């Protein structure tokens, strides 16, 4: 059970800004990172102060004002030039509009959604709901598909799907005070990954970030993935 895993984990390691654990659910391996949004700095990163794409999780530590990085993960799909496919807001500045129409690939497998970050609160909105509510998000990244929507799996996920990749995403608790980021450590289907968020992590809303290119930086686990050059990224930082 999740609460027991967290208790055991807290006994095993000192308290930290981010609690990351390797867990097994339904016979498959995942890494999950729990972040208290009321006390930690969760921020998106894409370009540096000169407008160049930052590109890697490790390079976040080199950005102005960043004293330490406790966690980082790719956070949304991107084009060949690593520009965001969907809506993107960083420090209150929008660089890509909201995309509401269906399209090719996983991003267009509607409903998709938006991860919205503010001081002390995080939310995952289904995209049309996001447009309706029009929340003011300090940072926001659109991706898709939604994994969990108000406690239900995405309606197009198939239990017997043969499409399997390393996948990553984010879920939030009911009141938006906690974000849970997760990555599979083996190839999984959308149905399996969504079920992990719904049934194990128990997040009522969760959003898929990407597959195949999925990467995680988790210093508490001595893990820092490398490889693909990335577009939008999310990190938990200490500010200088």
Protein backbone atom coordinates (compact mmCIF):
# COMPACT_ATOMS: atom_id res chain seq x y z
CA UNK A 1 0.00 0.00 0.00
CA UNK A 2 1.17 3.51 -0.78
CA UNK A 3 1.05 4.78 2.81
CA UNK A 4 3.16 1.86 4.04
CA UNK A 5 5.70 2.37 1.25
CA UNK A 6 6.00 6.03 2.17
CA UNK A 7 6.43 5.26 5.89
CA UNK A 8 9.12 2.69 5.18
CA UNK A 9 10.82 5.09 2.80
CA UNK A 10 10.85 7.87 5.38
CA UNK A 11 12.41 5.54 7.93
CA UNK A 12 15.07 4.49 5.44
CA UNK A 13 16.24 7.90 4.22
CA UNK A 14 16.46 11.42 5.65
CA UNK A 15 13.61 13.85 4.94
CA UNK A 16 14.11 15.68 1.66
CA UNK A 17 12.39 18.19 -0.60
CA UNK A 18 11.23 15.38 -2.86
CA UNK A 19 10.38 11.80 -1.89
CA UNK A 20 11.30 9.45 -4.76
CA UNK A 21 10.87 5.70 -4.61
CA UNK A 22 11.14 2.72 -6.90
CA UNK A 23 7.90 0.79 -6.63
CA UNK A 24 6.36 -2.29 -8.20
CA UNK A 25 2.70 -2.29 -9.14
CA UNK A 26 0.86 -5.08 -10.93
CA UNK A 27 4.19 -6.74 -11.65
CA UNK A 28 5.76 -3.69 -13.33
CA UNK A 29 8.48 -1.32 -12.15
CA UNK A 30 8.01 2.43 -11.76
CA UNK A 31 9.73 5.33 -10.06
CA UNK A 32 7.46 7.87 -8.39
CA UNK A 33 8.36 11.24 -6.85
CA UNK A 34 6.01 12.99 -4.42
CA UNK A 35 6.34 16.77 -4.10
CA UNK A 36 4.62 19.02 -1.54
CA UNK A 37 3.47 21.94 -3.67
CA UNK A 38 2.86 24.10 -0.60
CA UNK A 39 6.51 24.12 0.42
CA UNK A 40 8.61 23.35 -2.66
CA UNK A 41 9.51 25.34 -5.75
CA UNK A 42 8.13 23.49 -8.79
CA UNK A 43 9.07 25.26 -12.03
CA UNK A 44 9.15 24.70 -15.77
CA UNK A 45 12.31 25.19 -17.82
CA UNK A 46 12.71 25.42 -21.59
CA UNK A 47 15.00 28.24 -22.74
CA UNK A 48 17.90 29.99 -21.04
CA UNK A 49 18.20 33.75 -20.59
CA UNK A 50 19.59 34.06 -24.13
CA UNK A 51 16.69 32.19 -25.72
CA UNK A 52 18.62 28.98 -26.35
CA UNK A 53 16.92 25.67 -25.54
CA UNK A 54 18.35 24.31 -22.27
CA UNK A 55 17.94 20.77 -23.54
CA UNK A 56 18.98 18.52 -20.65
CA UNK A 57 17.91 17.84 -17.08
CA UNK A 58 21.43 18.35 -15.75
CA UNK A 59 21.71 21.79 -17.37
CA UNK A 60 18.87 23.14 -15.20
CA UNK A 61 21.39 23.46 -12.37
CA UNK A 62 23.35 25.96 -14.49
CA UNK A 63 20.43 28.38 -14.88
CA UNK A 64 20.49 31.74 -13.08
CA UNK A 65 18.90 31.69 -9.65
CA UNK A 66 19.07 27.89 -9.28
CA UNK A 67 21.04 26.80 -6.21
CA UNK A 68 20.09 23.10 -6.32
CA UNK A 69 17.90 20.70 -8.28
CA UNK A 70 16.12 18.04 -6.21
CA UNK A 71 14.16 16.52 -9.08
CA UNK A 72 13.68 17.03 -12.82
CA UNK A 73 11.76 15.38 -15.66
CA UNK A 74 10.80 16.08 -19.27
CA UNK A 75 7.42 17.81 -19.21
CA UNK A 76 5.59 17.86 -22.52
CA UNK A 77 5.95 16.94 -26.16
CA UNK A 78 8.07 19.01 -28.52
CA UNK A 79 8.85 19.52 -32.20
CA UNK A 80 12.15 18.73 -33.91
CA UNK A 81 13.45 22.16 -32.91
CA UNK A 82 12.39 21.30 -29.32
CA UNK A 83 9.69 23.97 -29.22
CA UNK A 84 6.54 22.92 -27.30
CA UNK A 85 3.83 21.13 -29.28
CA UNK A 86 1.10 22.53 -27.04
CA UNK A 87 0.36 25.40 -24.68
CA UNK A 88 3.39 26.61 -22.75
CA UNK A 89 3.73 29.31 -20.07
CA UNK A 90 6.87 29.99 -18.06
CA UNK A 91 7.11 32.64 -15.33
CA UNK A 92 3.84 34.12 -16.56
CA UNK A 93 4.93 34.44 -20.20
CA UNK A 94 3.03 32.43 -22.81
CA UNK A 95 5.14 31.16 -25.69
CA UNK A 96 2.63 28.72 -27.18
CA UNK A 97 -1.16 28.96 -27.35
CA UNK A 98 -3.61 26.28 -26.25
CA UNK A 99 -4.29 23.58 -28.86
CA UNK A 100 -7.88 22.29 -28.59
CA UNK A 101 -8.29 20.27 -31.79
CA UNK A 102 -7.53 16.60 -32.32
CA UNK A 103 -4.47 15.66 -34.31
CA UNK A 104 -1.95 12.92 -35.01
CA UNK A 105 0.05 11.16 -32.34
CA UNK A 106 -0.49 10.87 -28.62
CA UNK A 107 -0.91 14.61 -28.11
CA UNK A 108 -4.00 14.55 -30.33
CA UNK A 109 -5.56 11.56 -28.56
CA UNK A 110 -8.26 13.69 -26.95
CA UNK A 111 -8.91 14.50 -24.22
CA UNK A 112 -5.48 15.89 -23.50
CA UNK A 113 -4.64 18.32 -20.71
CA UNK A 114 -2.61 21.06 -19.08
CA UNK A 115 -0.39 20.91 -16.01
CA UNK A 116 -0.76 24.24 -14.19
CA UNK A 117 1.73 25.41 -11.53
CA UNK A 118 1.26 28.25 -9.07
CA UNK A 119 2.89 29.08 -5.74
CA UNK A 120 1.53 26.50 -3.30
CA UNK A 121 -0.81 24.77 -5.74
CA UNK A 122 -0.74 22.51 -8.79
CA UNK A 123 -3.56 21.31 -11.02
CA UNK A 124 -4.09 19.03 -14.00
CA UNK A 125 -6.93 20.28 -16.21
CA UNK A 126 -8.52 18.56 -19.19
CA UNK A 127 -7.84 21.05 -22.01
CA UNK A 128 -11.41 22.17 -22.71
CA UNK A 129 -11.94 22.61 -18.97
CA UNK A 130 -8.74 24.65 -18.84
CA UNK A 131 -10.05 26.94 -21.58
CA UNK A 132 -13.39 27.26 -19.78
CA UNK A 133 -11.90 28.05 -16.37
CA UNK A 134 -9.03 30.16 -17.78
CA UNK A 135 -6.86 29.83 -14.67
CA UNK A 136 -3.91 32.14 -14.18
CA UNK A 137 -0.94 29.77 -14.15
CA UNK A 138 2.55 30.99 -13.42
CA UNK A 139 3.82 27.97 -15.38
CA UNK A 140 1.77 25.67 -17.63
CA UNK A 141 2.52 22.89 -20.09
CA UNK A 142 0.03 21.09 -22.33
CA UNK A 143 0.50 17.46 -23.23
CA UNK A 144 -1.57 14.40 -23.86
CA UNK A 145 -3.40 12.27 -23.55
CA UNK A 146 -4.92 12.65 -20.11
CA UNK A 147 -4.21 9.51 -18.10
CA UNK A 148 -6.86 9.94 -15.41
CA UNK A 149 -9.87 12.28 -15.65
CA UNK A 150 -11.86 12.82 -12.45
CA UNK A 151 -10.97 9.34 -11.25
CA UNK A 152 -11.58 7.54 -14.56
CA UNK A 153 -9.07 6.27 -17.09
CA UNK A 154 -8.93 7.89 -20.52
CA UNK A 155 -11.84 6.32 -22.43
CA UNK A 156 -9.67 5.18 -25.35
CA UNK A 157 -7.15 3.18 -23.32
CA UNK A 158 -7.29 -0.53 -24.18
CA UNK A 159 -6.44 -3.20 -21.56
CA UNK A 160 -4.95 -5.46 -24.25
CA UNK A 161 -2.99 -2.79 -26.14
CA UNK A 162 0.32 -3.94 -27.62
CA UNK A 163 1.74 -0.38 -27.77
CA UNK A 164 4.36 -0.28 -25.02
CA UNK A 165 7.02 2.31 -24.22
CA UNK A 166 8.88 3.82 -21.30
CA UNK A 167 6.40 6.54 -20.26
CA UNK A 168 6.28 9.45 -17.83
CA UNK A 169 3.64 11.81 -16.49
CA UNK A 170 2.25 13.76 -13.55
CA UNK A 171 -0.77 13.47 -11.27
CA UNK A 172 -2.14 15.74 -8.55
CA UNK A 173 -4.11 15.11 -5.39
CA UNK A 174 -7.65 16.37 -4.93
CA UNK A 175 -6.82 19.74 -3.41
CA UNK A 176 -3.77 20.49 -5.53
CA UNK A 177 -1.29 20.51 -2.66
CA UNK A 178 0.76 17.55 -3.93
CA UNK A 179 2.17 16.61 -7.31
CA UNK A 180 3.24 13.05 -8.07
CA UNK A 181 5.61 12.55 -10.99
CA UNK A 182 6.18 9.03 -12.30
CA UNK A 183 8.18 7.19 -14.93
CA UNK A 184 7.95 3.54 -15.89
CA UNK A 185 11.18 1.58 -15.68
CA UNK A 186 10.01 -0.81 -18.36
CA UNK A 187 7.78 -0.57 -21.40
CA UNK A 188 4.11 -0.23 -20.42
CA UNK A 189 0.83 0.44 -22.18
CA UNK A 190 -1.29 3.56 -21.65
CA UNK A 191 -3.83 1.45 -19.76
CA UNK A 192 -1.17 0.11 -17.40
CA UNK A 193 0.38 3.53 -16.86
CA UNK A 194 -2.96 5.23 -16.27
CA UNK A 195 -3.98 2.47 -13.86
CA UNK A 196 -0.78 3.08 -11.89
CA UNK A 197 -1.77 6.72 -11.37
CA UNK A 198 -5.42 5.95 -10.64
CA UNK A 199 -5.11 2.87 -8.44
CA UNK A 200 -1.66 3.04 -6.82
CA UNK A 201 -0.86 6.77 -6.71
CA UNK A 202 -4.58 7.56 -6.29
CA UNK A 203 -4.45 10.83 -8.19
CA UNK A 204 -7.92 11.88 -9.46
CA UNK A 205 -6.34 13.66 -12.43
CA UNK A 206 -3.14 12.77 -14.24
CA UNK A 207 -1.46 13.81 -17.48
CA UNK A 208 0.89 11.96 -19.82
CA UNK A 209 4.11 13.81 -20.60
CA UNK A 210 5.82 11.59 -23.18
CA UNK A 211 7.19 8.17 -24.11
CA UNK A 212 10.48 6.79 -25.44
CA UNK A 213 12.28 10.07 -24.62
CA UNK A 214 11.19 9.93 -20.95
CA UNK A 215 13.96 10.94 -18.54
CA UNK A 216 14.30 11.44 -14.77
CA UNK A 217 16.80 13.26 -12.56
CA UNK A 218 16.42 12.06 -8.97
CA UNK A 219 19.54 12.73 -6.87
CA UNK A 220 18.04 10.99 -3.82
CA UNK A 221 18.09 7.76 -5.85
CA UNK A 222 21.51 8.49 -7.41
CA UNK A 223 19.74 8.57 -10.76
CA UNK A 224 20.28 11.06 -13.56
CA UNK A 225 19.16 9.88 -17.00
CA UNK A 226 20.89 11.17 -20.10
CA UNK A 227 20.37 10.73 -23.83
CA UNK A 228 17.82 12.68 -25.83
CA UNK A 229 17.92 16.46 -26.08
CA UNK A 230 14.69 17.62 -24.44
CA UNK A 231 12.16 20.42 -24.85
CA UNK A 232 10.05 21.55 -21.86
CA UNK A 233 11.19 20.24 -18.47
CA UNK A 234 9.87 20.44 -14.92
CA UNK A 235 12.06 20.64 -11.82
CA UNK A 236 11.96 21.09 -8.08
CA UNK A 237 14.66 23.59 -7.20
CA UNK A 238 16.18 25.62 -4.42
CA UNK A 239 16.56 29.23 -5.36
CA UNK A 240 19.73 31.22 -4.69
